[in-house]
Structure formats: C-alpha cells, structure tokens
Protein backbone atom coordinates (compact mmCIF):
# COMPACT_ATOMS: atom_id res chain seq x y z
CA UNK A 1 105.23 113.78 95.86
CA UNK A 2 105.05 110.07 96.58
CA UNK A 3 108.02 108.78 98.93
CA UNK A 4 107.67 105.36 100.74
CA UNK A 5 109.25 104.97 104.18
CA UNK A 6 110.67 101.48 105.55
CA UNK A 7 112.14 99.32 107.92
CA UNK A 8 113.10 95.89 107.94
CA UNK A 9 113.83 93.13 110.28
CA UNK A 10 116.75 90.24 109.46
CA UNK A 11 118.64 87.43 110.54
CA UNK A 12 121.82 89.34 111.11
CA UNK A 13 123.98 92.03 109.96
CA UNK A 14 125.59 90.65 106.94
CA UNK A 15 123.56 89.34 103.93
CA UNK A 16 126.67 88.58 101.86
CA UNK A 17 126.94 86.08 104.99
CA UNK A 18 123.57 84.40 104.28
CA UNK A 19 121.48 86.76 106.53
CA UNK A 20 117.66 86.90 104.86
CA UNK A 21 114.87 89.24 105.64
CA UNK A 22 112.36 88.13 107.89
CA UNK A 23 110.12 91.42 108.00
CA UNK A 24 109.22 94.50 105.92
CA UNK A 25 106.95 97.29 106.42
CA UNK A 26 106.20 100.07 104.21
CA UNK A 27 104.43 103.74 105.11
CA UNK A 28 103.96 105.51 101.60
CA UNK A 29 103.70 109.43 101.99
CA UNK A 30 102.16 111.97 99.70
CA UNK A 31 103.53 115.17 100.19
CA UNK A 32 104.90 114.46 103.31
CA UNK A 33 101.38 112.93 104.75
CA UNK A 34 100.39 109.32 105.15
CA UNK A 35 98.36 107.91 102.93
CA UNK A 36 96.91 105.12 104.79
CA UNK A 37 98.58 102.89 102.30
CA UNK A 38 101.05 100.59 103.74
CA UNK A 39 102.99 97.05 102.66
CA UNK A 40 103.93 94.62 105.57
CA UNK A 41 104.90 91.40 105.15
CA UNK A 42 106.96 88.11 107.01
CA UNK A 43 109.24 86.26 105.21
CA UNK A 44 110.55 82.40 106.03
CA UNK A 45 114.25 82.83 105.32
CA UNK A 46 115.36 79.20 105.03
CA UNK A 47 117.48 79.56 107.93
CA UNK A 48 117.80 79.50 111.83
CA UNK A 49 117.03 82.59 113.56
CA UNK A 50 120.27 82.89 115.57
CA UNK A 51 119.16 83.89 119.26
CA UNK A 52 120.85 87.17 119.10
CA UNK A 53 119.03 88.59 116.28
CA UNK A 54 115.48 87.03 118.22
CA UNK A 55 116.21 88.96 120.97
CA UNK A 56 116.18 92.78 118.90
CA UNK A 57 113.00 91.53 117.42
CA UNK A 58 111.15 88.72 118.46
CA UNK A 59 110.58 86.34 115.31
CA UNK A 60 111.25 82.72 116.67
CA UNK A 61 111.97 79.77 113.71
CA UNK A 62 108.13 78.68 115.03
CA UNK A 63 106.62 81.48 114.09
CA UNK A 64 108.37 82.22 110.82
CA UNK A 65 107.80 78.93 110.01
CA UNK A 66 104.51 79.14 107.95
CA UNK A 67 105.35 82.04 106.15
CA UNK A 68 105.70 82.23 102.57
CA UNK A 69 109.97 83.25 101.50
CA UNK A 70 110.36 86.66 100.61
CA UNK A 71 110.47 85.33 96.72
CA UNK A 72 106.08 84.85 97.06
CA UNK A 73 105.84 88.41 97.75
CA UNK A 74 108.50 90.14 95.70
CA UNK A 75 105.67 91.04 93.07
CA UNK A 76 103.77 92.62 95.20
CA UNK A 77 106.40 94.59 96.78
CA UNK A 78 108.02 95.65 93.97
CA UNK A 79 104.63 96.98 92.70
CA UNK A 80 104.02 99.11 96.05
CA UNK A 81 107.49 100.60 95.64
CA UNK A 82 106.76 101.58 92.21
CA UNK A 83 109.70 104.45 91.35
CA UNK A 84 109.15 106.43 94.74
CA UNK A 85 111.84 107.68 96.62
CA UNK A 86 112.65 105.19 99.81
CA UNK A 87 113.55 106.52 103.32
CA UNK A 88 115.22 104.10 105.75
CA UNK A 89 117.36 104.83 108.90
CA UNK A 90 120.56 104.24 108.09
CA UNK A 91 119.23 103.12 104.47
CA UNK A 92 122.40 101.67 103.33
CA UNK A 93 121.66 98.13 105.68
CA UNK A 94 118.47 97.71 104.37
CA UNK A 95 119.31 98.38 100.71
CA UNK A 96 121.98 96.08 100.76
CA UNK A 97 119.57 93.61 101.95
CA UNK A 98 116.82 94.61 100.10
CA UNK A 99 119.04 94.31 97.02
CA UNK A 100 120.49 90.98 98.02
CA UNK A 101 116.92 89.55 98.00
CA UNK A 102 116.41 90.92 94.96
CA UNK A 103 119.07 89.48 93.35
CA UNK A 104 118.20 85.62 95.00
CA UNK A 105 115.25 86.78 92.89
CA UNK A 106 116.70 87.61 89.40
CA UNK A 107 115.29 91.15 89.89
CA UNK A 108 117.58 94.03 88.81
CA UNK A 109 119.06 96.36 92.21
CA UNK A 110 117.36 99.04 93.49
CA UNK A 111 118.76 102.49 92.09
CA UNK A 112 120.59 103.86 95.22
CA UNK A 113 119.74 107.12 94.09
CA UNK A 114 116.35 106.55 95.42
CA UNK A 115 117.90 105.97 98.89
CA UNK A 116 117.09 109.02 101.34
CA UNK A 117 118.74 108.10 104.76
CA UNK A 118 117.48 109.78 107.86
CA UNK A 119 120.53 108.82 109.81
CA UNK A 120 122.43 111.69 107.20
CA UNK A 121 119.53 113.80 107.74
CA UNK A 122 119.80 113.56 111.68
CA UNK A 123 123.28 113.93 111.81
CA UNK A 124 123.69 117.22 109.48
CA UNK A 125 120.91 118.31 111.06
CA UNK A 126 121.55 117.66 115.11
CA UNK A 127 125.74 117.10 114.77
CA UNK A 128 126.90 115.78 118.38
CA UNK A 129 123.60 114.44 119.06
CA UNK A 130 122.19 110.89 119.51
CA UNK A 131 120.21 109.86 116.49
CA UNK A 132 119.24 106.45 116.86
CA UNK A 133 115.19 106.36 116.21
CA UNK A 134 114.61 106.52 119.87
CA UNK A 135 116.41 109.13 120.43
CA UNK A 136 115.09 110.88 117.56
CA UNK A 137 111.52 110.35 118.87
CA UNK A 138 112.22 111.68 122.35
CA UNK A 139 113.56 114.77 120.49
CA UNK A 140 110.54 115.49 118.69
CA UNK A 141 108.01 114.24 120.96
CA UNK A 142 107.24 111.04 118.79
CA UNK A 143 104.95 108.73 121.34
CA UNK A 144 106.47 105.22 121.09
CA UNK A 145 105.16 103.78 124.66
CA UNK A 146 104.10 100.75 122.34
CA UNK A 147 107.65 100.20 121.26
CA UNK A 148 108.92 96.94 123.17
CA UNK A 149 110.87 95.09 120.25
CA UNK A 150 112.02 96.45 117.26
CA UNK A 151 109.11 95.92 113.97
CA UNK A 152 109.31 96.71 110.84
CA UNK A 153 105.72 98.17 110.17
CA UNK A 154 105.87 99.94 113.74
CA UNK A 155 109.40 101.20 113.08
CA UNK A 156 108.39 102.99 109.74
CA UNK A 157 105.15 104.21 111.03
CA UNK A 158 107.92 106.08 113.71
CA UNK A 159 110.40 107.14 111.28
CA UNK A 160 107.74 107.90 109.36
CA UNK A 161 106.66 110.91 111.90
CA UNK A 162 110.16 111.78 112.28
CA UNK A 163 111.08 112.27 108.35
CA UNK A 164 108.33 114.74 108.54
CA UNK A 165 110.19 116.59 111.43
CA UNK A 166 113.71 116.01 109.89
CA UNK A 167 112.16 117.85 106.66
CA UNK A 168 110.82 120.81 107.76
CA UNK A 169 108.12 119.79 110.20
CA UNK A 170 104.34 118.63 109.90
CA UNK A 171 103.44 122.13 108.37
CA UNK A 172 104.86 120.74 105.27
CA UNK A 173 101.79 118.69 104.24
CA UNK A 174 99.05 121.66 104.84
CA UNK A 175 101.44 123.96 102.84
CA UNK A 176 101.31 121.62 99.89
CA UNK A 177 97.41 120.24 100.42
CA UNK A 178 96.89 122.21 97.51
CA UNK A 179 99.13 120.97 94.79
CA UNK A 180 97.68 117.01 96.00
CA UNK A 181 94.01 118.64 95.55
CA UNK A 182 94.66 120.62 92.09
CA UNK A 183 94.47 123.73 93.10
CA UNK A 184 96.37 126.88 91.80
CA UNK A 185 100.38 126.43 91.47
CA UNK A 186 102.61 127.84 94.45
CA UNK A 187 104.60 130.87 93.65
CA UNK A 188 107.09 133.07 95.83
CA UNK A 189 108.21 132.99 99.33
CA UNK A 190 110.80 129.74 99.92
CA UNK A 191 111.04 126.91 97.80
CA UNK A 192 110.70 123.19 98.82
CA UNK A 193 110.48 120.81 95.59
CA UNK A 194 110.02 123.14 93.52
CA UNK A 195 106.85 125.00 94.89
CA UNK A 196 106.88 127.72 97.24
CA UNK A 197 104.81 128.44 100.92
CA UNK A 198 102.24 131.23 99.20
CA UNK A 199 99.67 130.69 96.88
CA UNK A 200 99.53 132.74 94.33
CA UNK A 201 96.77 135.92 94.28
CA UNK A 202 96.84 138.90 91.85
CA UNK A 203 98.32 141.74 92.83
CA UNK A 204 95.93 144.04 95.34
CA UNK A 205 95.80 147.55 94.71
CA UNK A 206 97.08 150.14 97.13
CA UNK A 207 94.22 151.18 99.22
CA UNK A 208 93.72 154.93 100.25
CA UNK A 209 94.63 156.06 103.78
CA UNK A 210 94.22 159.91 103.79
CA UNK A 211 91.21 161.06 104.69
CA UNK A 212 89.08 163.07 101.99
CA UNK A 213 87.70 166.69 102.30
CA UNK A 214 84.50 165.39 102.67
CA UNK A 215 85.35 163.18 106.02
CA UNK A 216 87.94 166.21 107.23
CA UNK A 217 84.59 168.93 107.13
CA UNK A 218 82.67 166.23 109.45
CA UNK A 219 85.31 165.63 111.44
CA UNK A 220 85.28 168.82 111.94
CA UNK A 221 81.72 169.86 113.11
CA UNK A 222 82.23 166.63 115.29
CA UNK A 223 84.39 168.27 117.03
CA UNK A 224 83.10 171.74 117.24
CA UNK A 225 79.91 169.89 119.66
CA UNK A 226 82.41 168.58 121.93
CA UNK A 227 81.92 170.52 125.53
CA UNK A 228 84.80 171.41 127.11
CA UNK A 229 87.53 169.40 125.19
CA UNK A 230 90.60 168.86 127.09
CA UNK A 231 92.75 169.85 124.16
CA UNK A 232 91.01 173.60 124.56
CA UNK A 233 92.11 174.05 128.41
C-alpha cells in the first residue's frame, strides 16, 4: 500500500485571507516503510512574509525571492502524490492550503476522503495526552534533536515515524514485506489492510508422541543395566 506523508509551511494560518504555501515536503511510504522517494520544494508566495511566520520556519523574503511559484511545481507535485492517501498532522490545515493553491492553478481539489489525520489518530489512541509532533516524538522515542525550526521535509520525516507507531509500530513493515515481494498471500490471524499477519502454510499432520513397542523394549533393557538405581532402594 502506497501512502504519502506530507507537511507544509505557510505565510500564515488562513488561505482565505491570502496566506500561501511556501514549502512542502512529502515522504513516500510503501506498506508503512519509507521507500526513499521524496518530494520537496520551496515556493515564492508573491507576498511579504509576516515576521511571526518567519520566526516559526525561518523562511525569509530574501530566501524565497528566487524560488518558483507553486504553479510552476504543481505538475510534478501531483504526479508524486498520484492517488495515494495523504497523511498529515492536523491535516485539515494542510489540505485547506493545498486545495487553495490547486484552485489558484485551475486544478480540482484533492478529495478529502484521501486525508489521514495523525492528530485525530493520536487523540483517539492517547486521550488526554499532548498531541503535538514534538510530544508524539518524545512518546515514541523518535530523535528530533536536529529539529531547531519547523521545516516541511524534516517534519514529514518525523511524522512518518510517528504515523507508523500510531498505526501499529515498526513491525508492520515486517509483516507486509512478503506482499511487497510478491510472495504468498497472508491468511489467518488478526487482519490489517485486508491481509493478516501469519503466512499461509499447509497444515502439518499430527506428530506421534507415544513410545513404540520397540522403544519401550530398549528402555527396559537399558534400565536393567543400571547399578543400584535410586527407585529400587
């Protein structure tokens, strides 16, 4: 199963007021395992960067001045996303910005049915706990020491690890490796994504556990050779 974990950095919090995406980072997962394929781009938003937004992600007007606009990247971005489910933290935010940018490029919006929100997953799995990306990294022992500022690709990489933990842990990749390699389908046992966690095997015939007459005779002959056995005292 192919999924895309992504994150965006923006000029603000409301695309309806003119805020724009300035960075997007995407990580491809196949059967919950990073494939090594990524998509990452910075965008010139065509508007000044508010100081409060720059303090979060560190992307200045000077840095973004020579970057291409979103519409210049939209084709390669959509090709990378294809029809995969899209995983994001507080995904409503990222989907709102992404679909706003697509609308400005005269592209149809991405179907919200493709959205997987790790914030919602975390709230269901850990009610009452902190659910920020930093808090979830701490909970699952994911190293984020290199995260000084927000960055879309770095945050997507961290979120991919969190998502795997939220959906069952790193052993998922081992369970589904056979499917990726084209081996026999998995049957029996607890189900996940239409497949189970135990490989199909032919039933093994029952093993005899009773000693045969010949084995009993050999044992009797051996016991008779023992000198002063304890049970005879």
